[in-house]
C-alpha atoms as a PDB file:
ATOM      1  CA  MET A   1     -14.957  38.941 -27.483  1.00  0.00           C
ATOM      2  CA  PHE A   2     -12.777  39.136 -30.560  1.00  0.00           C
ATOM      3  CA  ASP A   3      -9.423  37.213 -30.633  1.00  0.00           C
ATOM      4  CA  SER A   4      -6.321  38.945 -31.875  1.00  0.00           C
ATOM      5  CA  ALA A   5      -4.485  35.927 -33.268  1.00  0.00           C
ATOM      6  CA  THR A   6      -3.046  36.163 -36.779  1.00  0.00           C
ATOM      7  CA  PRO A   7      -4.858  33.933 -39.264  1.00  0.00           C
ATOM      8  CA  LYS A   8      -3.151  30.725 -40.168  1.00  0.00           C
ATOM      9  CA  PRO A   9      -3.765  28.300 -43.111  1.00  0.00           C
ATOM     10  CA  PRO A  10      -6.420  25.814 -42.265  1.00  0.00           C
ATOM     11  CA  PRO A  11      -5.030  22.431 -41.156  1.00  0.00           C
ATOM     12  CA  PRO A  12      -5.919  19.393 -43.198  1.00  0.00           C
ATOM     13  CA  HIS A  13      -8.432  17.898 -40.741  1.00  0.00           C
ATOM     14  CA  PRO A  14     -12.022  18.857 -41.643  1.00  0.00           C
ATOM     15  CA  ALA A  15     -12.432  20.476 -38.244  1.00  0.00           C
ATOM     16  CA  GLY A  16      -9.771  22.928 -39.075  1.00  0.00           C
ATOM     17  CA  ARG A  17     -11.234  25.897 -41.085  1.00  0.00           C
ATOM     18  CA  PHE A  18     -10.959  28.744 -38.560  1.00  0.00           C
ATOM     19  CA  LEU A  19     -10.391  32.470 -38.486  1.00  0.00           C
ATOM     20  CA  SER A  20      -9.968  34.754 -35.503  1.00  0.00           C
ATOM     21  CA  THR A  21      -8.408  38.174 -36.043  1.00  0.00           C
ATOM     22  CA  PRO A  22      -9.302  41.858 -35.761  1.00  0.00           C
ATOM     23  CA  ALA A  23      -8.746  42.163 -39.577  1.00  0.00           C
ATOM     24  CA  ILE A  24     -10.207  39.412 -41.801  1.00  0.00           C
ATOM     25  CA  ARG A  25      -8.853  40.020 -45.314  1.00  0.00           C
ATOM     26  CA  ALA A  26     -10.431  38.954 -48.578  1.00  0.00           C
ATOM     27  CA  ALA A  27      -7.634  36.367 -49.085  1.00  0.00           C
ATOM     28  CA  HIS A  28      -8.121  34.833 -45.600  1.00  0.00           C
ATOM     29  CA  LEU A  29     -11.822  34.741 -46.077  1.00  0.00           C
ATOM     30  CA  ALA A  30     -11.645  32.909 -49.367  1.00  0.00           C
ATOM     31  CA  GLN A  31      -9.134  30.478 -47.834  1.00  0.00           C
ATOM     32  CA  ALA A  32     -11.311  29.716 -44.878  1.00  0.00           C
ATOM     33  CA  ALA A  33     -14.701  29.650 -46.721  1.00  0.00           C
ATOM     34  CA  GLY A  34     -13.528  27.207 -49.454  1.00  0.00           C
ATOM     35  CA  GLU A  35     -13.294  26.880 -53.239  1.00  0.00           C
ATOM     36  CA  GLY A  36     -15.420  29.229 -55.375  1.00  0.00           C
ATOM     37  CA  HIS A  37     -15.710  32.015 -52.783  1.00  0.00           C
ATOM     38  CA  ARG A  38     -15.954  35.462 -54.539  1.00  0.00           C
ATOM     39  CA  VAL A  39     -16.087  38.939 -53.011  1.00  0.00           C
ATOM     40  CA  LEU A  40     -18.042  41.110 -55.488  1.00  0.00           C
ATOM     41  CA  LEU A  41     -18.198  44.231 -53.289  1.00  0.00           C
ATOM     42  CA  PRO A  42     -15.947  45.920 -52.381  1.00  0.00           C
ATOM     43  CA  ALA A  43     -13.709  45.778 -55.436  1.00  0.00           C
ATOM     44  CA  ALA A  44     -11.355  42.835 -55.457  1.00  0.00           C
ATOM     45  CA  ASP A  45      -8.329  43.357 -53.180  1.00  0.00           C
ATOM     46  CA  ALA A  46      -6.838  40.426 -51.486  1.00  0.00           C
ATOM     47  CA  THR A  47      -5.291  42.631 -48.765  1.00  0.00           C
ATOM     48  CA  LEU A  48      -8.334  44.618 -47.947  1.00  0.00           C
ATOM     49  CA  SER A  49      -9.727  44.072 -44.412  1.00  0.00           C
ATOM     50  CA  LEU A  50     -13.369  43.219 -44.802  1.00  0.00           C
ATOM     51  CA  MET A  51     -14.417  42.123 -41.398  1.00  0.00           C
ATOM     52  CA  ALA A  52     -13.360  41.962 -37.740  1.00  0.00           C
ATOM     53  CA  GLY A  53     -14.069  39.114 -35.495  1.00  0.00           C
ATOM     54  CA  ARG A  54     -14.149  35.306 -35.631  1.00  0.00           C
ATOM     55  CA  PHE A  55     -15.695  32.442 -37.485  1.00  0.00           C
ATOM     56  CA  ALA A  56     -15.038  28.707 -37.453  1.00  0.00           C
ATOM     57  CA  ILE A  57     -16.234  25.865 -39.487  1.00  0.00           C
ATOM     58  CA  SER A  58     -15.905  22.456 -37.757  1.00  0.00           C
ATOM     59  CA  GLN A  59     -16.899  18.888 -38.586  1.00  0.00           C
ATOM     60  CA  LEU A  60     -18.032  17.457 -35.365  1.00  0.00           C
ATOM     61  CA  ARG A  61     -18.448  13.991 -36.878  1.00  0.00           C
ATOM     62  CA  ALA A  62     -18.894  12.636 -40.468  1.00  0.00           C
ATOM     63  CA  GLY A  63     -21.762  14.571 -42.020  1.00  0.00           C
ATOM     64  CA  LEU A  64     -22.447  17.056 -39.129  1.00  0.00           C
ATOM     65  CA  ILE A  65     -20.909  20.431 -39.689  1.00  0.00           C
ATOM     66  CA  LEU A  66     -20.958  23.479 -37.303  1.00  0.00           C
ATOM     67  CA  HIS A  67     -20.319  26.968 -38.570  1.00  0.00           C
ATOM     68  CA  CYS A  68     -20.157  29.807 -36.009  1.00  0.00           C
ATOM     69  CA  THR A  69     -19.834  33.476 -36.948  1.00  0.00           C
ATOM     70  CA  ASP A  70     -19.134  36.475 -34.686  1.00  0.00           C
ATOM     71  CA  VAL A  71     -17.956  39.397 -36.995  1.00  0.00           C
ATOM     72  CA  GLU A  72     -18.351  43.161 -37.626  1.00  0.00           C
ATOM     73  CA  HIS A  73     -18.474  44.195 -41.252  1.00  0.00           C
ATOM     74  CA  LEU A  74     -16.030  46.968 -42.126  1.00  0.00           C
ATOM     75  CA  HIS A  75     -17.412  47.665 -45.550  1.00  0.00           C
ATOM     76  CA  ASP A  76     -20.557  47.215 -47.602  1.00  0.00           C
ATOM     77  CA  MET A  77     -20.106  43.592 -48.769  1.00  0.00           C
ATOM     78  CA  GLU A  78     -21.500  41.181 -51.343  1.00  0.00           C
ATOM     79  CA  VAL A  79     -20.125  37.680 -51.469  1.00  0.00           C
ATOM     80  CA  ARG A  80     -21.033  34.524 -53.325  1.00  0.00           C
ATOM     81  CA  PHE A  81     -19.918  30.980 -53.295  1.00  0.00           C
ATOM     82  CA  PRO A  82     -21.178  27.408 -54.160  1.00  0.00           C
ATOM     83  CA  THR A  83     -22.494  25.442 -51.307  1.00  0.00           C
ATOM     84  CA  GLN A  84     -20.546  22.308 -50.768  1.00  0.00           C
ATOM     85  CA  GLU A  85     -22.800  20.202 -48.595  1.00  0.00           C
ATOM     86  CA  THR A  86     -26.474  19.205 -49.135  1.00  0.00           C
ATOM     87  CA  GLY A  87     -29.014  18.004 -46.643  1.00  0.00           C
ATOM     88  CA  ILE A  88     -30.652  19.938 -43.877  1.00  0.00           C
ATOM     89  CA  LYS A  89     -29.461  23.287 -42.609  1.00  0.00           C
ATOM     90  CA  VAL A  90     -30.594  24.595 -39.102  1.00  0.00           C
ATOM     91  CA  MET A  91     -29.766  28.262 -38.710  1.00  0.00           C
ATOM     92  CA  LEU A  92     -30.013  30.405 -35.499  1.00  0.00           C
ATOM     93  CA  LYS A  93     -29.176  34.079 -35.934  1.00  0.00           C
ATOM     94  CA  LEU A  94     -28.491  35.960 -32.698  1.00  0.00           C
ATOM     95  CA  GLU A  95     -27.830  39.279 -34.307  1.00  0.00           C
ATOM     96  CA  GLY A  96     -27.512  40.573 -37.877  1.00  0.00           C
ATOM     97  CA  ASN A  97     -29.598  41.737 -40.829  1.00  0.00           C
ATOM     98  CA  ALA A  98     -27.577  40.684 -43.834  1.00  0.00           C
ATOM     99  CA  ARG A  99     -29.570  39.772 -46.853  1.00  0.00           C
ATOM    100  CA  VAL A 100     -29.015  36.051 -47.645  1.00  0.00           C
ATOM    101  CA  SER A 101     -30.169  33.840 -50.493  1.00  0.00           C
ATOM    102  CA  PHE A 102     -29.649  30.214 -51.680  1.00  0.00           C
ATOM    103  CA  GLY A 103     -30.031  29.549 -55.416  1.00  0.00           C
ATOM    104  CA  GLY A 104     -31.979  32.801 -55.691  1.00  0.00           C
ATOM    105  CA  THR A 105     -34.352  31.962 -52.865  1.00  0.00           C
ATOM    106  CA  ALA A 106     -34.304  34.720 -50.235  1.00  0.00           C
ATOM    107  CA  LEU A 107     -33.897  33.669 -46.568  1.00  0.00           C
ATOM    108  CA  ASP A 108     -35.768  36.106 -44.285  1.00  0.00           C
ATOM    109  CA  LEU A 109     -33.647  35.951 -41.161  1.00  0.00           C
ATOM    110  CA  ASP A 110     -33.316  39.528 -39.988  1.00  0.00           C
ATOM    111  CA  ALA A 111     -32.539  39.420 -36.228  1.00  0.00           C
ATOM    112  CA  GLY A 112     -31.808  43.204 -35.889  1.00  0.00           C
ATOM    113  CA  GLN A 113     -28.843  44.844 -34.292  1.00  0.00           C
ATOM    114  CA  GLY A 114     -27.558  45.599 -30.771  1.00  0.00           C
ATOM    115  CA  ARG A 115     -29.759  45.410 -27.646  1.00  0.00           C
ATOM    116  CA  THR A 116     -32.967  45.167 -29.608  1.00  0.00           C
ATOM    117  CA  ALA A 117     -31.732  42.171 -31.634  1.00  0.00           C
ATOM    118  CA  ILE A 118     -34.451  39.347 -31.660  1.00  0.00           C
ATOM    119  CA  PRO A 119     -32.900  35.905 -32.261  1.00  0.00           C
ATOM    120  CA  ARG A 120     -34.480  34.047 -35.155  1.00  0.00           C
ATOM    121  CA  GLY A 121     -34.131  30.588 -36.573  1.00  0.00           C
ATOM    122  CA  ALA A 122     -34.904  28.732 -39.819  1.00  0.00           C
ATOM    123  CA  VAL A 123     -34.590  25.171 -41.219  1.00  0.00           C
ATOM    124  CA  MET A 124     -33.945  24.706 -44.857  1.00  0.00           C
ATOM    125  CA  ARG A 125     -33.662  21.604 -47.107  1.00  0.00           C
ATOM    126  CA  LEU A 126     -30.947  21.642 -49.698  1.00  0.00           C
ATOM    127  CA  SER A 127     -31.195  18.680 -52.122  1.00  0.00           C
ATOM    128  CA  VAL A 128     -28.403  19.840 -54.523  1.00  0.00           C
ATOM    129  CA  PRO A 129     -25.639  22.366 -54.285  1.00  0.00           C
ATOM    130  CA  GLU A 130     -26.659  25.982 -54.875  1.00  0.00           C
ATOM    131  CA  GLU A 131     -25.103  29.470 -55.135  1.00  0.00           C
ATOM    132  CA  PHE A 132     -25.072  31.195 -51.817  1.00  0.00           C
ATOM    133  CA  GLU A 133     -25.261  34.999 -51.733  1.00  0.00           C
ATOM    134  CA  ARG A 134     -24.908  37.387 -48.759  1.00  0.00           C
ATOM    135  CA  ARG A 135     -25.128  41.208 -48.732  1.00  0.00           C
ATOM    136  CA  SER A 136     -24.219  43.243 -45.636  1.00  0.00           C
ATOM    137  CA  ARG A 137     -23.677  46.804 -44.670  1.00  0.00           C
ATOM    138  CA  ALA A 138     -20.606  48.406 -43.120  1.00  0.00           C
ATOM    139  CA  GLY A 139     -20.879  48.795 -39.334  1.00  0.00           C
ATOM    140  CA  THR A 140     -23.326  45.861 -38.829  1.00  0.00           C
ATOM    141  CA  ARG A 141     -22.604  42.850 -36.812  1.00  0.00           C
ATOM    142  CA  GLU A 142     -23.366  39.244 -37.548  1.00  0.00           C
ATOM    143  CA  ARG A 143     -23.621  36.589 -34.963  1.00  0.00           C
ATOM    144  CA  MET A 144     -25.068  33.265 -35.894  1.00  0.00           C
ATOM    145  CA  VAL A 145     -24.810  29.471 -35.782  1.00  0.00           C
ATOM    146  CA  VAL A 146     -25.458  27.279 -38.880  1.00  0.00           C
ATOM    147  CA  LEU A 147     -25.671  23.533 -38.575  1.00  0.00           C
ATOM    148  CA  THR A 148     -25.492  21.241 -41.647  1.00  0.00           C
ATOM    149  CA  MET A 149     -26.673  17.691 -41.643  1.00  0.00           C
ATOM    150  CA  THR A 150     -25.686  15.720 -44.825  1.00  0.00           C
ATOM    151  CA  PRO A 151     -28.123  13.025 -46.168  1.00  0.00           C
ATOM    152  CA  GLU A 152     -25.637  10.383 -44.935  1.00  0.00           C
ATOM    153  CA  TRP A 153     -25.762  11.802 -41.381  1.00  0.00           C
ATOM    154  CA  CYS A 154     -29.568  12.092 -41.538  1.00  0.00           C
ATOM    155  CA  GLU A 155     -29.951   8.466 -42.676  1.00  0.00           C
ATOM    156  CA  ALA A 156     -27.708   7.180 -39.955  1.00  0.00           C
ATOM    157  CA  GLY A 157     -29.777   9.177 -37.422  1.00  0.00           C
ATOM    158  CA  GLY A 158     -33.140   8.000 -38.826  1.00  0.00           C
ATOM    159  CA  LEU A 159     -34.032  11.454 -40.166  1.00  0.00           C
ATOM    160  CA  ASP A 160     -35.800  11.924 -43.570  1.00  0.00           C
ATOM    161  CA  PRO A 161     -35.122  15.298 -45.101  1.00  0.00           C
ATOM    162  CA  GLU A 162     -38.140  14.981 -47.348  1.00  0.00           C
ATOM    163  CA  HIS A 163     -40.380  15.783 -44.368  1.00  0.00           C
ATOM    164  CA  LEU A 164     -39.193  19.371 -44.763  1.00  0.00           C
ATOM    165  CA  GLY A 165     -40.646  19.393 -48.269  1.00  0.00           C
ATOM    166  CA  ARG A 166     -39.086  20.381 -51.596  1.00  0.00           C
ATOM    167  CA  HIS A 167     -35.583  21.554 -52.376  1.00  0.00           C
ATOM    168  CA  LEU A 168     -35.030  25.008 -50.927  1.00  0.00           C
ATOM    169  CA  ALA A 169     -38.074  24.799 -48.558  1.00  0.00           C
ATOM    170  CA  ILE A 170     -37.470  27.150 -45.639  1.00  0.00           C
ATOM    171  CA  ARG A 171     -39.301  26.862 -42.449  1.00  0.00           C
ATOM    172  CA  PRO A 172     -39.046  29.424 -39.574  1.00  0.00           C
ATOM    173  CA  TRP A 173     -38.651  28.455 -36.000  1.00  0.00           C
ATOM    174  CA  LEU A 174     -38.708  30.568 -32.803  1.00  0.00           C
ATOM    175  CA  PRO A 175     -35.720  29.596 -30.684  1.00  0.00           C
ATOM    176  CA  SER A 176     -36.305  29.169 -27.026  1.00  0.00           C
ATOM    177  CA  THR A 177     -34.252  30.856 -24.373  1.00  0.00           C
ATOM    178  CA  ARG A 178     -32.250  27.672 -23.933  1.00  0.00           C
ATOM    179  CA  ALA A 179     -31.512  27.459 -27.703  1.00  0.00           C
ATOM    180  CA  VAL A 180     -30.362  31.114 -27.668  1.00  0.00           C
ATOM    181  CA  ALA A 181     -28.131  30.318 -24.780  1.00  0.00           C
ATOM    182  CA  ILE A 182     -26.669  27.380 -26.475  1.00  0.00           C
ATOM    183  CA  ALA A 183     -25.885  29.509 -29.591  1.00  0.00           C
ATOM    184  CA  GLU A 184     -24.265  32.133 -27.399  1.00  0.00           C
ATOM    185  CA  GLN A 185     -21.932  29.379 -26.006  1.00  0.00           C
ATOM    186  CA  LEU A 186     -21.066  28.087 -29.458  1.00  0.00           C
ATOM    187  CA  VAL A 187     -20.046  31.507 -30.880  1.00  0.00           C
ATOM    188  CA  ARG A 188     -17.806  32.227 -27.996  1.00  0.00           C
ATOM    189  CA  PRO A 189     -14.280  30.803 -28.422  1.00  0.00           C
ATOM    190  CA  ASP A 190     -13.761  30.159 -24.753  1.00  0.00           C
ATOM    191  CA  ALA A 191     -17.133  28.698 -23.900  1.00  0.00           C
ATOM    192  CA  PHE A 192     -15.815  25.114 -24.314  1.00  0.00           C
ATOM    193  CA  GLY A 193     -12.247  23.984 -23.658  1.00  0.00           C
ATOM    194  CA  GLY A 194      -9.865  21.055 -23.209  1.00  0.00           C
ATOM    195  CA  GLN A 195     -10.237  17.426 -24.476  1.00  0.00           C
ATOM    196  CA  MET A 196     -13.989  17.554 -24.003  1.00  0.00           C
ATOM    197  CA  ARG A 197     -14.526  20.493 -26.353  1.00  0.00           C
ATOM    198  CA  SER A 198     -15.822  18.466 -29.273  1.00  0.00           C
ATOM    199  CA  LEU A 199     -18.118  16.441 -27.150  1.00  0.00           C
ATOM    200  CA  TYR A 200     -19.647  19.489 -25.430  1.00  0.00           C
ATOM    201  CA  GLN A 201     -20.135  21.219 -28.767  1.00  0.00           C
ATOM    202  CA  GLU A 202     -21.798  18.070 -30.319  1.00  0.00           C
ATOM    203  CA  SER A 203     -24.221  17.611 -27.304  1.00  0.00           C
ATOM    204  CA  ARG A 204     -25.279  21.254 -27.662  1.00  0.00           C
ATOM    205  CA  VAL A 205     -25.601  21.003 -31.491  1.00  0.00           C
ATOM    206  CA  LEU A 206     -27.816  17.993 -31.097  1.00  0.00           C
ATOM    207  CA  GLU A 207     -30.116  19.857 -28.701  1.00  0.00           C
ATOM    208  CA  LEU A 208     -30.497  22.787 -31.185  1.00  0.00           C
ATOM    209  CA  ILE A 209     -31.304  20.214 -33.961  1.00  0.00           C
ATOM    210  CA  GLY A 210     -33.880  18.562 -31.798  1.00  0.00           C
ATOM    211  CA  GLU A 211     -35.685  21.749 -30.949  1.00  0.00           C
ATOM    212  CA  ALA A 212     -35.620  23.196 -34.475  1.00  0.00           C
ATOM    213  CA  LEU A 213     -36.840  20.074 -36.213  1.00  0.00           C
ATOM    214  CA  SER A 214     -39.532  19.374 -33.565  1.00  0.00           C
ATOM    215  CA  GLN A 215     -40.915  22.880 -34.194  1.00  0.00           C
ATOM    216  CA  THR A 216     -40.882  22.657 -37.904  1.00  0.00           C
ATOM    217  CA  ALA A 217     -42.082  19.111 -38.388  1.00  0.00           C
ATOM    218  CA  GLY A 218     -45.205  19.140 -40.472  1.00  0.00           C
ATOM    219  CA  ALA A 219     -45.301  22.991 -40.716  1.00  0.00           C
ATOM    220  CA  GLU A 220     -45.949  24.611 -44.054  1.00  0.00           C
ATOM    221  CA  SER A 221     -42.950  26.428 -45.646  1.00  0.00           C
ATOM    222  CA  GLY A 222     -42.886  30.086 -44.687  1.00  0.00           C
ATOM    223  CA  ALA A 223     -45.639  29.770 -42.005  1.00  0.00           C
ATOM    224  CA  PRO A 224     -45.223  32.037 -39.049  1.00  0.00           C
ATOM    225  CA  THR A 225     -44.364  30.455 -35.793  1.00  0.00           C
ATOM    226  CA  ALA A 226     -46.527  32.685 -33.699  1.00  0.00           C
ATOM    227  CA  PRO A 227     -49.417  35.246 -34.196  1.00  0.00           C
ATOM    228  CA  GLU A 228     -48.051  38.736 -34.803  1.00  0.00           C
ATOM    229  CA  LEU A 229     -48.352  41.411 -32.186  1.00  0.00           C
ATOM    230  CA  ARG A 230     -49.346  44.915 -33.023  1.00  0.00           C
ATOM    231  CA  PRO A 231     -46.322  47.241 -33.411  1.00  0.00           C
ATOM    232  CA  ALA A 232     -46.877  49.026 -30.069  1.00  0.00           C
ATOM    233  CA  GLU A 233     -47.123  45.649 -28.233  1.00  0.00           C
ATOM    234  CA  TYR A 234     -44.017  44.319 -30.016  1.00  0.00           C
ATOM    235  CA  ARG A 235     -42.065  47.505 -29.066  1.00  0.00           C
ATOM    236  CA  ARG A 236     -43.211  47.104 -25.518  1.00  0.00           C
ATOM    237  CA  ILE A 237     -41.889  43.488 -25.337  1.00  0.00           C
ATOM    238  CA  VAL A 238     -38.567  44.394 -27.027  1.00  0.00           C
ATOM    239  CA  ARG A 239     -38.162  47.135 -24.319  1.00  0.00           C
ATOM    240  CA  LEU A 240     -38.833  44.610 -21.616  1.00  0.00           C
ATOM    241  CA  HIS A 241     -36.344  42.151 -23.238  1.00  0.00           C
ATOM    242  CA  GLY A 242     -33.592  44.844 -23.134  1.00  0.00           C
ATOM    243  CA  LEU A 243     -34.329  45.725 -19.419  1.00  0.00           C
ATOM    244  CA  LEU A 244     -34.157  42.033 -18.525  1.00  0.00           C
ATOM    245  CA  GLN A 245     -30.877  41.642 -20.171  1.00  0.00           C
ATOM    246  CA  SER A 246     -29.396  44.800 -18.688  1.00  0.00           C
ATOM    247  CA  GLY A 247     -30.104  43.811 -15.011  1.00  0.00           C
ATOM    248  CA  ALA A 248     -32.391  46.750 -14.498  1.00  0.00           C
ATOM    249  CA  LEU A 249     -35.216  44.407 -13.307  1.00  0.00           C
ATOM    250  CA  ASP A 250     -33.125  42.079 -11.179  1.00  0.00           C
ATOM    251  CA  GLY A 251     -35.033  41.508  -7.931  1.00  0.00           C
ATOM    252  CA  SER A 252     -38.339  43.075  -9.285  1.00  0.00           C
ATOM    253  CA  GLY A 253     -41.620  41.346  -8.912  1.00  0.00           C
ATOM    254  CA  MET A 254     -44.202  40.906 -11.626  1.00  0.00           C
ATOM    255  CA  ALA A 255     -46.316  43.847 -10.419  1.00  0.00           C
ATOM    256  CA  GLU A 256     -43.205  46.170 -10.425  1.00  0.00           C
ATOM    257  CA  ILE A 257     -42.303  44.931 -13.972  1.00  0.00           C
ATOM    258  CA  ALA A 258     -45.746  45.553 -15.248  1.00  0.00           C
ATOM    259  CA  ARG A 259     -45.815  49.040 -13.762  1.00  0.00           C
ATOM    260  CA  GLU A 260     -42.411  49.832 -15.390  1.00  0.00           C
ATOM    261  CA  ILE A 261     -43.619  48.641 -18.881  1.00  0.00           C
ATOM    262  CA  GLY A 262     -47.067  50.117 -18.521  1.00  0.00           C
ATOM    263  CA  CYS A 263     -49.019  46.964 -19.272  1.00  0.00           C
ATOM    264  CA  ASN A 264     -51.286  44.446 -17.451  1.00  0.00           C
ATOM    265  CA  ALA A 265     -49.191  41.661 -15.943  1.00  0.00           C
ATOM    266  CA  ASN A 266     -51.093  38.818 -17.562  1.00  0.00           C
ATOM    267  CA  THR A 267     -50.938  40.412 -20.980  1.00  0.00           C
ATOM    268  CA  LEU A 268     -47.304  41.190 -20.585  1.00  0.00           C
ATOM    269  CA  GLN A 269     -46.482  37.514 -19.789  1.00  0.00           C
ATOM    270  CA  ARG A 270     -48.614  36.251 -22.711  1.00  0.00           C
ATOM    271  CA  HIS A 271     -47.036  38.580 -25.191  1.00  0.00           C
ATOM    272  CA  PHE A 272     -43.570  37.896 -23.941  1.00  0.00           C
ATOM    273  CA  ARG A 273     -44.062  34.124 -24.219  1.00  0.00           C
ATOM    274  CA  ARG A 274     -45.451  34.617 -27.738  1.00  0.00           C
ATOM    275  CA  VAL A 275     -42.304  36.414 -28.910  1.00  0.00           C
ATOM    276  CA  TYR A 276     -39.631  34.564 -26.872  1.00  0.00           C
ATOM    277  CA  GLY A 277     -41.224  31.141 -26.119  1.00  0.00           C
ATOM    278  CA  THR A 278     -40.586  31.417 -22.343  1.00  0.00           C
ATOM    279  CA  SER A 279     -41.886  33.232 -19.288  1.00  0.00           C
ATOM    280  CA  ILE A 280     -40.575  36.527 -18.101  1.00  0.00           C
ATOM    281  CA  PHE A 281     -38.920  35.099 -14.939  1.00  0.00           C
ATOM    282  CA  ASP A 282     -37.444  32.124 -16.821  1.00  0.00           C
ATOM    283  CA  TYR A 283     -35.804  34.494 -19.238  1.00  0.00           C
ATOM    284  CA  LEU A 284     -34.618  36.716 -16.371  1.00  0.00           C
ATOM    285  CA  ARG A 285     -33.052  33.748 -14.695  1.00  0.00           C
ATOM    286  CA  GLU A 286     -31.292  32.779 -17.847  1.00  0.00           C
ATOM    287  CA  CYS A 287     -30.013  36.452 -18.295  1.00  0.00           C
ATOM    288  CA  ARG A 288     -28.626  36.499 -14.766  1.00  0.00           C
ATOM    289  CA  LEU A 289     -26.884  33.106 -15.155  1.00  0.00           C
ATOM    290  CA  GLN A 290     -25.331  34.507 -18.400  1.00  0.00           C
ATOM    291  CA  ARG A 291     -24.209  37.646 -16.632  1.00  0.00           C
ATOM    292  CA  ALA A 292     -22.620  35.504 -13.814  1.00  0.00           C
ATOM    293  CA  ALA A 293     -20.873  33.368 -16.415  1.00  0.00           C
ATOM    294  CA  ASP A 294     -19.489  36.526 -18.027  1.00  0.00           C
ATOM    295  CA  ALA A 295     -18.374  37.848 -14.690  1.00  0.00           C
ATOM    296  CA  LEU A 296     -16.537  34.597 -14.000  1.00  0.00           C
ATOM    297  CA  GLN A 297     -14.797  34.494 -17.347  1.00  0.00           C
ATOM    298  CA  GLN A 298     -14.076  38.150 -17.936  1.00  0.00           C
ATOM    299  CA  ARG A 299     -13.543  39.548 -14.384  1.00  0.00           C
ATOM    300  CA  GLY A 300     -12.608  36.552 -12.353  1.00  0.00           C
ATOM    301  CA  VAL A 301     -15.131  37.013  -9.642  1.00  0.00           C
ATOM    302  CA  SER A 302     -15.472  34.421  -6.937  1.00  0.00           C
ATOM    303  CA  VAL A 303     -18.072  31.669  -7.200  1.00  0.00           C
ATOM    304  CA  ALA A 304     -19.972  33.300  -4.263  1.00  0.00           C
ATOM    305  CA  GLN A 305     -19.991  36.639  -6.110  1.00  0.00           C
ATOM    306  CA  ALA A 306     -21.269  34.952  -9.285  1.00  0.00           C
ATOM    307  CA  ALA A 307     -24.065  33.188  -7.317  1.00  0.00           C
ATOM    308  CA  GLU A 308     -25.116  36.704  -5.990  1.00  0.00           C
ATOM    309  CA  ILE A 309     -25.128  38.037  -9.537  1.00  0.00           C
ATOM    310  CA  ALA A 310     -27.317  35.206 -10.630  1.00  0.00           C
ATOM    311  CA  GLY A 311     -29.676  35.699  -7.645  1.00  0.00           C
ATOM    312  CA  TYR A 312     -28.907  32.620  -5.702  1.00  0.00           C
ATOM    313  CA  ALA A 313     -28.396  32.668  -1.971  1.00  0.00           C
ATOM    314  CA  ALA A 314     -26.932  29.099  -1.876  1.00  0.00           C
ATOM    315  CA  GLN A 315     -23.791  28.411  -3.968  1.00  0.00           C
ATOM    316  CA  ALA A 316     -24.729  24.708  -4.329  1.00  0.00           C
ATOM    317  CA  ASN A 317     -28.086  25.669  -5.954  1.00  0.00           C
ATOM    318  CA  PHE A 318     -26.182  28.155  -8.204  1.00  0.00           C
ATOM    319  CA  SER A 319     -23.595  25.561  -9.177  1.00  0.00           C
ATOM    320  CA  THR A 320     -26.430  23.044 -10.099  1.00  0.00           C
ATOM    321  CA  ALA A 321     -28.175  25.693 -12.186  1.00  0.00           C
ATOM    322  CA  PHE A 322     -24.991  26.788 -13.882  1.00  0.00           C
ATOM    323  CA  ARG A 323     -23.981  23.310 -14.781  1.00  0.00           C
ATOM    324  CA  ARG A 324     -27.428  22.434 -16.137  1.00  0.00           C
ATOM    325  CA  ARG A 325     -27.234  25.458 -18.473  1.00  0.00           C
ATOM    326  CA  PHE A 326     -23.625  25.508 -19.545  1.00  0.00           C
ATOM    327  CA  GLY A 327     -22.424  22.059 -19.025  1.00  0.00           C
ATOM    328  CA  LEU A 328     -19.624  23.190 -16.865  1.00  0.00           C
ATOM    329  CA  THR A 329     -19.103  24.116 -13.263  1.00  0.00           C
ATOM    330  CA  PRO A 330     -18.654  27.744 -12.203  1.00  0.00           C
ATOM    331  CA  LYS A 331     -15.217  26.843 -10.828  1.00  0.00           C
ATOM    332  CA  SER A 332     -14.063  25.326 -14.076  1.00  0.00           C
ATOM    333  CA  VAL A 333     -15.094  28.443 -16.057  1.00  0.00           C
ATOM    334  CA  ARG A 334     -13.234  30.775 -13.600  1.00  0.00           C
ATOM    335  CA  SER A 335     -10.136  28.515 -13.859  1.00  0.00           C
ATOM    336  CA  LYS A 336      -9.703  29.454 -17.521  1.00  0.00           C
ATOM    337  CA  LEU A 337      -8.504  33.000 -16.641  1.00  0.00           C
END
């Protein structure tokens, strides 16, 4: 996943703040993150490797900014910097439990770590620049997408930031399987390529914005997106989520899945939809498509083999489903190897 290129100074175009390296040092981080970035922990050392991985900050068009992060923290860290853009921020965290705040207001966006991570989203209104603070622990991973829409971009698109409430109002949203798949594409450096890269990214970003704002419109700040499950019910759904992702339940019927989890099938479906916003089999279909995409990109399997991984008997149906999800044909993904 992580690139091994040596960090370079950012080019002058706003779509040029980018880092991709197994060793992101304090000096590189400050250069890419912008003016005012400060590393408070560990002790100041411009040559110290703080993280491994990749992050990129791109201006897709005037006032619409995409920030993607996929890093592993090598030390306990505390960083601060002043935000440069105001407006609306849409955040989708795929994995990570760093403690984050804007202007002293904590943002509860703990998605967890590893296979049990639960993607979480939030929408925030930022009327004036504020101090951003993030604290993270060594050995943890952070994967997330942050979209910033400036007041000018919102006005051009007919959006009114005031519908989100006061300055620093934060509203949670439960990302759908589709939204999670889009975020996974955005944080992967090879998910988009060629001259259409920017267009692909912008189309996916607009889809995320639409889902996040439609969920949070009219909601009270801090209101939960769904009723809470009891701890045992939640652990059961997390276990099912991991099994679906791993491929262990490929080809299983609902009765078999219910027996494996030890729960009534209807209850299991209801609880899974409550947590993930989709049905068990829709999510399984998404997982299998993602595994097929990974096999095409990473192992160079044939389109026929990828179709089998995804559970499609007909390559034509597989290609249609693949393109609908990723915006690319299976052949074009495989050709990148």
